[in-house]
Amino acid sequence: MPGGRPALFLTPEDLEAKIKEYYSKLGQPGEDPYATITGLTLYLGFESRQSFYDYEERPEFSYIIKRARLKVENTYELRLSNQNTSGAIFALKNMGWSDKQEIDQKTQHSGGIAISWQDPTLPNTEDQSSD
């Protein structure tokens, strides 16, 4: 007898229909105004985000879960144009985004460098002018 909880969704079509239902209800009275991973996870009936992510590991559900996550990410990305963006930035960083600036600095060198050195203990012959 197999252990664990029975699968919530037996077919990819069932999962996709429930995800579409979640998105269609967003912003309606009494519903979440924005898509979130936890909101989607709860709506689908999972007891944890990990259970939601576990479905992504199943080949028949992988594309659907990745697309649903991308739609949540898009919601946060669109919120970056609002005045209060700190929550969206935090969420996007947790989704793998980065706000660090990387500078790739490359220089080209055409040849050797000439170095001349004057011993400070010797008189400087270049500064003496002839009379």
C-alpha atoms as a PDB file:
ATOM      1  CA  MET A   1       0.000   0.000   0.000  1.00  0.00           C
ATOM      2  CA  PRO A   2       1.596   3.310  -1.067  1.00  0.00           C
ATOM      3  CA  GLY A   3       2.144   5.900   1.633  1.00  0.00           C
ATOM      4  CA  GLY A   4       1.524   9.618   1.587  1.00  0.00           C
ATOM      5  CA  ARG A   5      -1.384  11.765   0.651  1.00  0.00           C
ATOM      6  CA  PRO A   6      -3.221  11.012  -2.598  1.00  0.00           C
ATOM      7  CA  ALA A   7      -2.489  13.318  -5.524  1.00  0.00           C
ATOM      8  CA  LEU A   8      -4.664  16.418  -5.697  1.00  0.00           C
ATOM      9  CA  PHE A   9      -4.577  16.498  -9.476  1.00  0.00           C
ATOM     10  CA  LEU A  10      -4.633  13.366 -11.556  1.00  0.00           C
ATOM     11  CA  THR A  11      -4.251  15.071 -14.921  1.00  0.00           C
ATOM     12  CA  PRO A  12      -2.451  18.175 -16.158  1.00  0.00           C
ATOM     13  CA  GLU A  13      -5.771  19.429 -17.505  1.00  0.00           C
ATOM     14  CA  ASP A  14      -7.321  19.354 -14.019  1.00  0.00           C
ATOM     15  CA  LEU A  15      -4.421  21.365 -12.601  1.00  0.00           C
ATOM     16  CA  GLU A  16      -4.466  23.871 -15.446  1.00  0.00           C
ATOM     17  CA  ALA A  17      -8.231  24.414 -15.090  1.00  0.00           C
ATOM     18  CA  LYS A  18      -7.870  25.103 -11.351  1.00  0.00           C
ATOM     19  CA  ILE A  19      -4.989  27.545 -11.966  1.00  0.00           C
ATOM     20  CA  LYS A  20      -7.049  29.420 -14.571  1.00  0.00           C
ATOM     21  CA  GLU A  21      -9.911  29.574 -12.070  1.00  0.00           C
ATOM     22  CA  TYR A  22      -7.554  31.138  -9.486  1.00  0.00           C
ATOM     23  CA  TYR A  23      -6.451  33.840 -11.901  1.00  0.00           C
ATOM     24  CA  SER A  24     -10.004  34.587 -13.007  1.00  0.00           C
ATOM     25  CA  LYS A  25     -11.040  35.329  -9.402  1.00  0.00           C
ATOM     26  CA  LEU A  26      -8.194  37.719  -8.580  1.00  0.00           C
ATOM     27  CA  GLY A  27      -9.373  41.191  -7.656  1.00  0.00           C
ATOM     28  CA  GLN A  28     -12.994  40.185  -7.204  1.00  0.00           C
ATOM     29  CA  PRO A  29     -14.653  41.136  -3.894  1.00  0.00           C
ATOM     30  CA  GLY A  30     -13.334  38.947  -1.093  1.00  0.00           C
ATOM     31  CA  GLU A  31     -10.481  37.620  -3.219  1.00  0.00           C
ATOM     32  CA  ASP A  32      -6.787  38.488  -3.318  1.00  0.00           C
ATOM     33  CA  PRO A  33      -6.004  41.514  -5.500  1.00  0.00           C
ATOM     34  CA  TYR A  34      -2.692  40.049  -6.704  1.00  0.00           C
ATOM     35  CA  ALA A  35      -1.419  36.626  -7.637  1.00  0.00           C
ATOM     36  CA  THR A  36       1.042  35.174  -5.144  1.00  0.00           C
ATOM     37  CA  ILE A  37       2.703  31.789  -4.805  1.00  0.00           C
ATOM     38  CA  THR A  38       1.101  31.199  -1.401  1.00  0.00           C
ATOM     39  CA  GLY A  39      -2.299  32.376  -2.634  1.00  0.00           C
ATOM     40  CA  LEU A  40      -2.101  30.034  -5.605  1.00  0.00           C
ATOM     41  CA  THR A  41      -0.821  27.192  -3.410  1.00  0.00           C
ATOM     42  CA  LEU A  42      -3.704  27.589  -0.979  1.00  0.00           C
ATOM     43  CA  TYR A  43      -6.276  27.893  -3.760  1.00  0.00           C
ATOM     44  CA  LEU A  44      -5.031  24.675  -5.354  1.00  0.00           C
ATOM     45  CA  GLY A  45      -5.428  22.861  -2.022  1.00  0.00           C
ATOM     46  CA  PHE A  46      -1.781  22.192  -1.203  1.00  0.00           C
ATOM     47  CA  GLU A  47      -0.696  22.246   2.433  1.00  0.00           C
ATOM     48  CA  SER A  48       2.679  23.838   1.657  1.00  0.00           C
ATOM     49  CA  ARG A  49       4.604  25.642  -1.056  1.00  0.00           C
ATOM     50  CA  GLN A  50       6.892  22.618  -1.211  1.00  0.00           C
ATOM     51  CA  SER A  51       3.992  20.416  -2.298  1.00  0.00           C
ATOM     52  CA  PHE A  52       3.280  22.926  -5.072  1.00  0.00           C
ATOM     53  CA  TYR A  53       6.944  22.867  -6.120  1.00  0.00           C
ATOM     54  CA  ASP A  54       6.976  19.052  -5.982  1.00  0.00           C
ATOM     55  CA  TYR A  55       4.394  18.990  -8.749  1.00  0.00           C
ATOM     56  CA  GLU A  56       6.889  20.849 -10.919  1.00  0.00           C
ATOM     57  CA  GLU A  57       9.215  17.834 -10.643  1.00  0.00           C
ATOM     58  CA  ARG A  58       6.571  15.618 -12.244  1.00  0.00           C
ATOM     59  CA  PRO A  59       7.087  15.820 -16.023  1.00  0.00           C
ATOM     60  CA  GLU A  60       3.389  15.895 -16.889  1.00  0.00           C
ATOM     61  CA  PHE A  61       2.801  18.914 -14.598  1.00  0.00           C
ATOM     62  CA  SER A  62       6.136  20.727 -14.975  1.00  0.00           C
ATOM     63  CA  TYR A  63       5.184  23.126 -17.784  1.00  0.00           C
ATOM     64  CA  ILE A  64       1.902  24.099 -16.112  1.00  0.00           C
ATOM     65  CA  ILE A  65       3.543  24.846 -12.741  1.00  0.00           C
ATOM     66  CA  LYS A  66       6.398  26.801 -14.360  1.00  0.00           C
ATOM     67  CA  ARG A  67       3.893  28.880 -16.330  1.00  0.00           C
ATOM     68  CA  ALA A  68       1.803  29.550 -13.201  1.00  0.00           C
ATOM     69  CA  ARG A  69       4.927  30.663 -11.315  1.00  0.00           C
ATOM     70  CA  LEU A  70       5.880  32.915 -14.223  1.00  0.00           C
ATOM     71  CA  LYS A  71       2.468  34.594 -14.062  1.00  0.00           C
ATOM     72  CA  VAL A  72       3.014  35.292 -10.347  1.00  0.00           C
ATOM     73  CA  GLU A  73       6.451  36.707 -11.150  1.00  0.00           C
ATOM     74  CA  ASN A  74       4.873  38.900 -13.822  1.00  0.00           C
ATOM     75  CA  THR A  75       2.454  40.290 -11.227  1.00  0.00           C
ATOM     76  CA  TYR A  76       5.368  41.419  -9.074  1.00  0.00           C
ATOM     77  CA  GLU A  77       7.243  42.797 -12.049  1.00  0.00           C
ATOM     78  CA  LEU A  78       4.248  44.942 -13.016  1.00  0.00           C
ATOM     79  CA  ARG A  79       4.093  46.271  -9.460  1.00  0.00           C
ATOM     80  CA  LEU A  80       7.601  47.729  -9.851  1.00  0.00           C
ATOM     81  CA  SER A  81       6.047  50.722 -11.613  1.00  0.00           C
ATOM     82  CA  ASN A  82       4.077  51.652  -8.453  1.00  0.00           C
ATOM     83  CA  GLN A  83       5.429  54.014  -5.808  1.00  0.00           C
ATOM     84  CA  ASN A  84       5.828  51.412  -3.053  1.00  0.00           C
ATOM     85  CA  THR A  85       7.944  48.735  -4.696  1.00  0.00           C
ATOM     86  CA  SER A  86       9.828  47.280  -1.723  1.00  0.00           C
ATOM     87  CA  GLY A  87       7.495  44.291  -1.336  1.00  0.00           C
ATOM     88  CA  ALA A  88       7.661  43.478  -5.045  1.00  0.00           C
ATOM     89  CA  ILE A  89      11.451  43.796  -5.037  1.00  0.00           C
ATOM     90  CA  PHE A  90      11.697  41.464  -2.050  1.00  0.00           C
ATOM     91  CA  ALA A  91       9.441  38.890  -3.724  1.00  0.00           C
ATOM     92  CA  LEU A  92      11.355  39.061  -7.004  1.00  0.00           C
ATOM     93  CA  LYS A  93      14.670  38.588  -5.206  1.00  0.00           C
ATOM     94  CA  ASN A  94      13.232  35.432  -3.656  1.00  0.00           C
ATOM     95  CA  MET A  95      12.353  34.330  -7.190  1.00  0.00           C
ATOM     96  CA  GLY A  96      15.966  34.648  -8.282  1.00  0.00           C
ATOM     97  CA  TRP A  97      16.074  38.250  -9.460  1.00  0.00           C
ATOM     98  CA  SER A  98      19.066  40.380  -8.509  1.00  0.00           C
ATOM     99  CA  ASP A  99      19.545  44.120  -8.224  1.00  0.00           C
ATOM    100  CA  LYS A 100      23.310  44.055  -8.098  1.00  0.00           C
ATOM    101  CA  GLN A 101      25.174  45.886 -10.793  1.00  0.00           C
ATOM    102  CA  GLU A 102      27.878  43.985 -12.581  1.00  0.00           C
ATOM    103  CA  ILE A 103      30.500  45.826 -14.573  1.00  0.00           C
ATOM    104  CA  ASP A 104      32.520  43.891 -17.086  1.00  0.00           C
ATOM    105  CA  GLN A 105      35.635  45.969 -17.581  1.00  0.00           C
ATOM    106  CA  LYS A 106      37.993  44.911 -20.315  1.00  0.00           C
ATOM    107  CA  THR A 107      41.060  46.767 -21.537  1.00  0.00           C
ATOM    108  CA  GLN A 108      43.064  46.156 -24.626  1.00  0.00           C
ATOM    109  CA  HIS A 109      46.799  46.311 -24.507  1.00  0.00           C
ATOM    110  CA  SER A 110      48.857  46.826 -27.637  1.00  0.00           C
ATOM    111  CA  GLY A 111      52.253  45.770 -26.359  1.00  0.00           C
ATOM    112  CA  GLY A 112      54.809  46.093 -23.632  1.00  0.00           C
ATOM    113  CA  ILE A 113      55.140  48.860 -21.103  1.00  0.00           C
ATOM    114  CA  ALA A 114      58.352  50.911 -20.987  1.00  0.00           C
ATOM    115  CA  ILE A 115      59.516  51.621 -17.447  1.00  0.00           C
ATOM    116  CA  SER A 116      62.417  53.964 -16.702  1.00  0.00           C
ATOM    117  CA  TRP A 117      63.884  54.355 -13.281  1.00  0.00           C
ATOM    118  CA  GLN A 118      66.284  56.982 -12.006  1.00  0.00           C
ATOM    119  CA  ASP A 119      68.402  56.072  -8.994  1.00  0.00           C
ATOM    120  CA  PRO A 120      67.724  58.859  -6.451  1.00  0.00           C
ATOM    121  CA  THR A 121      71.281  58.596  -5.122  1.00  0.00           C
ATOM    122  CA  LEU A 122      72.803  59.570  -8.469  1.00  0.00           C
ATOM    123  CA  PRO A 123      72.723  63.098  -9.882  1.00  0.00           C
ATOM    124  CA  ASN A 124      69.938  63.717 -12.385  1.00  0.00           C
ATOM    125  CA  THR A 125      71.645  64.387 -15.701  1.00  0.00           C
ATOM    126  CA  GLU A 126      68.428  65.230 -17.532  1.00  0.00           C
ATOM    127  CA  ASP A 127      67.762  68.355 -15.395  1.00  0.00           C
ATOM    128  CA  GLN A 128      71.210  69.879 -15.959  1.00  0.00           C
ATOM    129  CA  SER A 129      71.356  72.332 -18.782  1.00  0.00           C
ATOM    130  CA  SER A 130      74.539  73.156 -20.643  1.00  0.00           C
ATOM    131  CA  ASP A 131      75.940  76.719 -20.449  1.00  0.00           C
END
